[in-house]
N, C-alpha and C. Protein backbone atom coordinates (compact mmCIF):
# COMPACT_ATOMS: atom_id res chain seq x y z
N MET A 1 5.69 17.86 -28.63
CA MET A 1 4.41 17.99 -28.45
C MET A 1 4.04 16.87 -27.25
N PRO A 2 3.02 17.54 -26.26
CA PRO A 2 3.17 16.84 -25.12
C PRO A 2 1.96 15.51 -25.45
N GLU A 3 2.40 14.02 -24.35
CA GLU A 3 1.78 13.28 -24.35
C GLU A 3 -0.20 13.49 -23.72
N HIS A 4 -0.59 12.81 -24.69
CA HIS A 4 -1.88 13.08 -23.83
C HIS A 4 -1.72 11.53 -22.96
N LEU A 5 -2.22 12.14 -21.66
CA LEU A 5 -2.80 11.40 -20.49
C LEU A 5 -4.03 10.52 -21.00
N PRO A 6 -4.26 9.39 -20.39
CA PRO A 6 -5.75 8.73 -20.60
C PRO A 6 -6.35 9.33 -19.35
N GLN A 7 -7.50 9.45 -19.20
CA GLN A 7 -8.32 10.48 -18.28
C GLN A 7 -9.64 9.23 -18.06
N PHE A 8 -9.96 9.52 -16.65
CA PHE A 8 -10.77 7.97 -16.63
C PHE A 8 -11.85 8.66 -15.11
N GLU A 9 -13.48 8.95 -15.71
CA GLU A 9 -13.96 8.99 -14.81
C GLU A 9 -14.61 8.03 -13.69
N ILE A 10 -14.48 7.79 -12.95
CA ILE A 10 -14.93 7.30 -11.41
C ILE A 10 -15.82 8.22 -10.39
N HIS A 11 -16.25 7.03 -9.10
CA HIS A 11 -16.74 7.35 -8.30
C HIS A 11 -16.44 6.68 -6.94
N VAL A 12 -16.33 7.54 -6.16
CA VAL A 12 -15.93 6.74 -4.76
C VAL A 12 -16.64 7.43 -3.63
N ASP A 13 -17.54 6.82 -2.89
CA ASP A 13 -18.35 7.37 -1.79
C ASP A 13 -19.22 8.52 -2.26
N GLY A 14 -19.61 8.17 -3.51
CA GLY A 14 -20.40 9.22 -3.88
C GLY A 14 -19.92 10.66 -4.62
N GLN A 15 -18.34 10.33 -3.98
CA GLN A 15 -17.81 11.57 -5.14
C GLN A 15 -17.01 11.23 -6.48
N HIS A 16 -17.48 12.67 -7.30
CA HIS A 16 -16.27 12.34 -8.53
C HIS A 16 -15.10 12.27 -8.94
N PHE A 17 -14.61 11.50 -9.16
CA PHE A 17 -13.11 11.76 -9.41
C PHE A 17 -12.54 11.48 -10.94
N THR A 18 -11.26 12.81 -11.38
CA THR A 18 -10.96 12.10 -13.07
C THR A 18 -9.46 11.71 -12.48
N VAL A 19 -9.10 10.18 -12.75
CA VAL A 19 -7.74 10.24 -12.69
C VAL A 19 -7.16 9.26 -14.19
N HIS A 20 -5.94 9.37 -13.78
CA HIS A 20 -5.63 9.30 -15.22
C HIS A 20 -4.61 7.87 -15.14
N GLN A 21 -4.22 7.21 -14.20
CA GLN A 21 -4.08 5.92 -14.05
C GLN A 21 -5.01 4.76 -14.62
N SER A 22 -4.50 3.53 -15.50
CA SER A 22 -5.29 2.61 -16.22
C SER A 22 -5.52 1.46 -15.17
N SER A 23 -4.40 1.79 -14.09
CA SER A 23 -4.56 0.16 -13.15
C SER A 23 -4.27 1.09 -11.71
N MET A 24 -5.15 1.14 -10.74
CA MET A 24 -4.99 1.42 -9.59
C MET A 24 -5.48 0.31 -8.44
N THR A 25 -4.30 0.26 -7.05
CA THR A 25 -4.78 -0.39 -5.98
C THR A 25 -6.05 -0.24 -5.25
N GLY A 26 -6.42 -1.14 -4.32
CA GLY A 26 -7.40 -0.76 -3.39
C GLY A 26 -6.73 0.73 -2.30
N VAL A 27 -5.65 0.74 -1.84
CA VAL A 27 -5.10 1.61 -1.18
C VAL A 27 -5.27 2.92 -1.77
N GLN A 28 -4.95 2.94 -3.10
CA GLN A 28 -5.23 4.07 -3.98
C GLN A 28 -6.56 4.60 -4.51
N ILE A 29 -7.14 3.68 -4.52
CA ILE A 29 -8.69 4.40 -4.47
C ILE A 29 -9.15 4.60 -3.19
N LYS A 30 -8.70 4.07 -2.28
CA LYS A 30 -9.68 4.70 -0.99
C LYS A 30 -8.71 5.95 -0.32
N ALA A 31 -7.45 6.41 -1.11
CA ALA A 31 -6.51 7.37 -0.71
C ALA A 31 -7.37 8.58 -1.40
N LEU A 32 -8.12 8.38 -2.35
CA LEU A 32 -8.71 9.54 -2.82
C LEU A 32 -10.10 10.45 -2.20
N VAL A 33 -10.72 9.24 -1.14
CA VAL A 33 -11.53 9.95 -0.18
C VAL A 33 -10.44 10.14 1.24
N GLY A 34 -9.73 9.94 1.76
CA GLY A 34 -8.94 10.08 2.84
C GLY A 34 -9.21 8.79 3.49
N LYS A 35 -9.50 7.31 3.13
CA LYS A 35 -9.68 6.40 4.01
C LYS A 35 -8.32 5.33 3.87
N ASP A 36 -8.41 5.24 5.33
CA ASP A 36 -7.02 4.17 5.22
C ASP A 36 -7.58 2.28 5.56
N ALA A 37 -6.75 1.88 6.02
CA ALA A 37 -7.00 -0.20 6.05
C ALA A 37 -8.05 0.05 7.37
N GLN A 38 -8.72 0.87 8.11
CA GLN A 38 -9.67 0.58 8.75
C GLN A 38 -10.83 0.62 8.11
N TYR A 39 -10.69 0.60 6.68
CA TYR A 39 -12.13 0.89 5.57
C TYR A 39 -11.87 -0.34 4.64
N GLN A 40 -12.95 -0.72 4.02
CA GLN A 40 -12.72 -2.07 3.15
C GLN A 40 -13.75 -1.15 1.92
N LEU A 41 -13.05 -1.57 0.49
CA LEU A 41 -13.17 -0.81 -0.62
C LEU A 41 -13.95 -2.07 -1.09
N PHE A 42 -15.40 -1.46 -1.93
CA PHE A 42 -15.73 -2.23 -2.80
C PHE A 42 -16.41 -1.39 -4.02
N GLU A 43 -16.44 -2.44 -4.99
CA GLU A 43 -16.73 -1.81 -6.35
C GLU A 43 -18.13 -2.54 -6.80
N GLU A 44 -18.99 -1.39 -6.70
CA GLU A 44 -20.42 -1.52 -7.52
C GLU A 44 -20.68 -2.56 -8.55
N ILE A 45 -21.29 -3.70 -8.32
CA ILE A 45 -21.47 -4.18 -9.84
C ILE A 45 -23.10 -4.03 -10.30
N ALA A 46 -23.36 -4.24 -11.42
CA ALA A 46 -24.86 -3.28 -11.91
C ALA A 46 -25.77 -4.88 -11.60
N GLY A 47 -26.85 -4.97 -11.69
CA GLY A 47 -28.21 -5.56 -11.35
C GLY A 47 -28.14 -6.30 -10.08
N ASN A 48 -28.12 -7.70 -9.88
CA ASN A 48 -28.02 -8.29 -8.79
C ASN A 48 -27.29 -9.13 -8.27
N ALA A 49 -25.92 -9.01 -8.93
CA ALA A 49 -24.83 -9.48 -8.74
C ALA A 49 -23.66 -8.97 -7.04
N GLU A 50 -23.58 -9.34 -6.58
CA GLU A 50 -22.74 -9.06 -5.24
C GLU A 50 -21.60 -8.34 -5.79
N ASP A 51 -21.74 -6.99 -5.02
CA ASP A 51 -20.22 -6.11 -5.20
C ASP A 51 -19.33 -7.07 -5.02
N LYS A 52 -18.29 -6.26 -5.50
CA LYS A 52 -16.77 -7.00 -5.34
C LYS A 52 -16.19 -6.26 -4.59
N LEU A 53 -15.62 -6.88 -3.19
CA LEU A 53 -14.47 -6.45 -2.32
C LEU A 53 -12.84 -6.45 -2.92
N ILE A 54 -12.65 -5.40 -3.02
CA ILE A 54 -11.27 -4.91 -3.25
C ILE A 54 -10.08 -4.84 -2.18
N GLY A 55 -9.36 -5.74 -2.19
CA GLY A 55 -8.30 -5.54 -0.97
C GLY A 55 -7.54 -4.38 -1.08
N ASP A 56 -6.73 -4.18 -0.14
CA ASP A 56 -5.68 -2.88 -0.44
C ASP A 56 -4.36 -3.07 -1.43
N ASN A 57 -3.97 -4.08 -1.75
CA ASN A 57 -3.26 -4.44 -2.65
C ASN A 57 -3.62 -4.64 -4.29
N ASP A 58 -4.81 -5.33 -4.26
CA ASP A 58 -5.57 -5.60 -5.28
C ASP A 58 -5.54 -4.53 -6.39
N SER A 59 -4.99 -5.31 -7.19
CA SER A 59 -5.35 -4.12 -9.05
C SER A 59 -6.50 -4.02 -9.66
N VAL A 60 -6.77 -3.22 -9.61
CA VAL A 60 -8.61 -2.74 -10.43
C VAL A 60 -7.90 -2.02 -11.57
N ALA A 61 -8.22 -2.55 -12.96
CA ALA A 61 -8.01 -2.14 -13.92
C ALA A 61 -9.59 -0.80 -14.32
N ILE A 62 -8.81 0.17 -14.11
CA ILE A 62 -10.02 1.40 -14.21
C ILE A 62 -10.40 1.96 -15.45
N ARG A 63 -11.94 2.10 -15.57
CA ARG A 63 -12.40 2.54 -17.19
C ARG A 63 -13.15 3.39 -16.14
N ASN A 64 -13.82 4.14 -17.65
CA ASN A 64 -14.71 4.96 -17.13
C ASN A 64 -16.12 4.36 -16.39
N GLY A 65 -16.80 5.29 -15.47
CA GLY A 65 -18.04 4.56 -14.92
C GLY A 65 -18.09 3.95 -13.38
N LEU A 66 -16.57 3.72 -13.55
CA LEU A 66 -16.97 2.58 -11.94
C LEU A 66 -17.31 3.39 -11.00
N HIS A 67 -17.69 2.72 -10.02
CA HIS A 67 -18.51 3.06 -8.70
C HIS A 67 -17.82 2.35 -7.61
N PHE A 68 -17.14 2.82 -6.72
CA PHE A 68 -16.63 2.49 -5.48
C PHE A 68 -17.52 3.31 -3.80
N TYR A 69 -17.35 2.16 -3.14
CA TYR A 69 -17.62 2.81 -2.11
C TYR A 69 -17.22 1.95 -0.90
N THR A 70 -17.02 2.92 0.12
CA THR A 70 -16.00 2.21 1.50
C THR A 70 -16.71 1.98 2.44
N VAL A 71 -16.48 0.83 3.37
CA VAL A 71 -16.98 0.71 4.43
C VAL A 71 -16.39 0.37 5.78
N VAL A 72 -16.66 0.70 7.12
CA VAL A 72 -15.94 0.31 7.97
C VAL A 72 -15.61 -0.85 8.72
N SER A 73 -14.68 -1.37 8.47
CA SER A 73 -14.34 -2.94 8.61
C SER A 73 -14.87 -3.69 9.88
N ALA A 74 -14.78 -2.94 11.06
CA ALA A 74 -15.74 -3.79 11.87
C ALA A 74 -17.10 -3.65 11.83
N SER A 75 -17.79 -2.76 10.86
CA SER A 75 -19.18 -2.54 10.93
C SER A 75 -19.80 -4.12 10.62
N PHE A 76 -19.23 -4.82 10.06
CA PHE A 76 -19.68 -6.33 9.44
C PHE A 76 -20.22 -7.18 10.48
N GLY A 77 -21.27 -7.54 10.49
CA GLY A 77 -21.37 -9.13 11.37
C GLY A 77 -22.07 -8.46 12.55
N LEU A 78 -21.98 -7.20 13.20
CA LEU A 78 -21.94 -6.48 14.70
C LEU A 78 -23.60 -6.70 14.94
N HIS A 79 -24.34 -6.95 15.58
CA HIS A 79 -25.37 -6.21 16.07
C HIS A 79 -26.39 -6.66 14.67
N ARG A 80 -26.54 -7.33 14.30
CA ARG A 80 -27.43 -8.23 13.42
C ARG A 80 -28.54 -8.99 13.76
N GLY A 81 -30.22 -9.25 13.66
CA GLY A 81 -31.00 -9.79 14.26
C GLY A 81 -31.37 -9.79 15.35
N PRO A 82 -32.54 -10.42 15.74
CA PRO A 82 -32.82 -10.64 17.33
C PRO A 82 -32.20 -11.29 18.51
N ARG A 83 -30.68 -11.34 17.86
CA ARG A 83 -30.06 -11.91 18.92
C ARG A 83 -29.89 -11.21 20.53
N TRP A 84 -29.68 -9.69 20.03
CA TRP A 84 -29.76 -8.90 21.47
C TRP A 84 -31.00 -8.60 21.98
N MET A 85 -32.13 -9.04 21.52
CA MET A 85 -33.14 -8.65 21.98
C MET A 85 -33.79 -9.61 23.28
């Protein structure tokens, strides 16, 4: 009888994925949406808590309903506020 693989439903950049790993690295999660090291990965945290930055080699315990998003690394801190006015 075949062994039943665990199944987890997660979202990355608004896309739905079914994965069978109970643990994934940031690189593996970003690969689902074709993103590389130029992108930072964040786990969305419910409520007013700050979203969690996930490093490429960080291991994430996967569970149903997790939401992640990617952001181009170079976009942080550029052209904010009236400094360039």
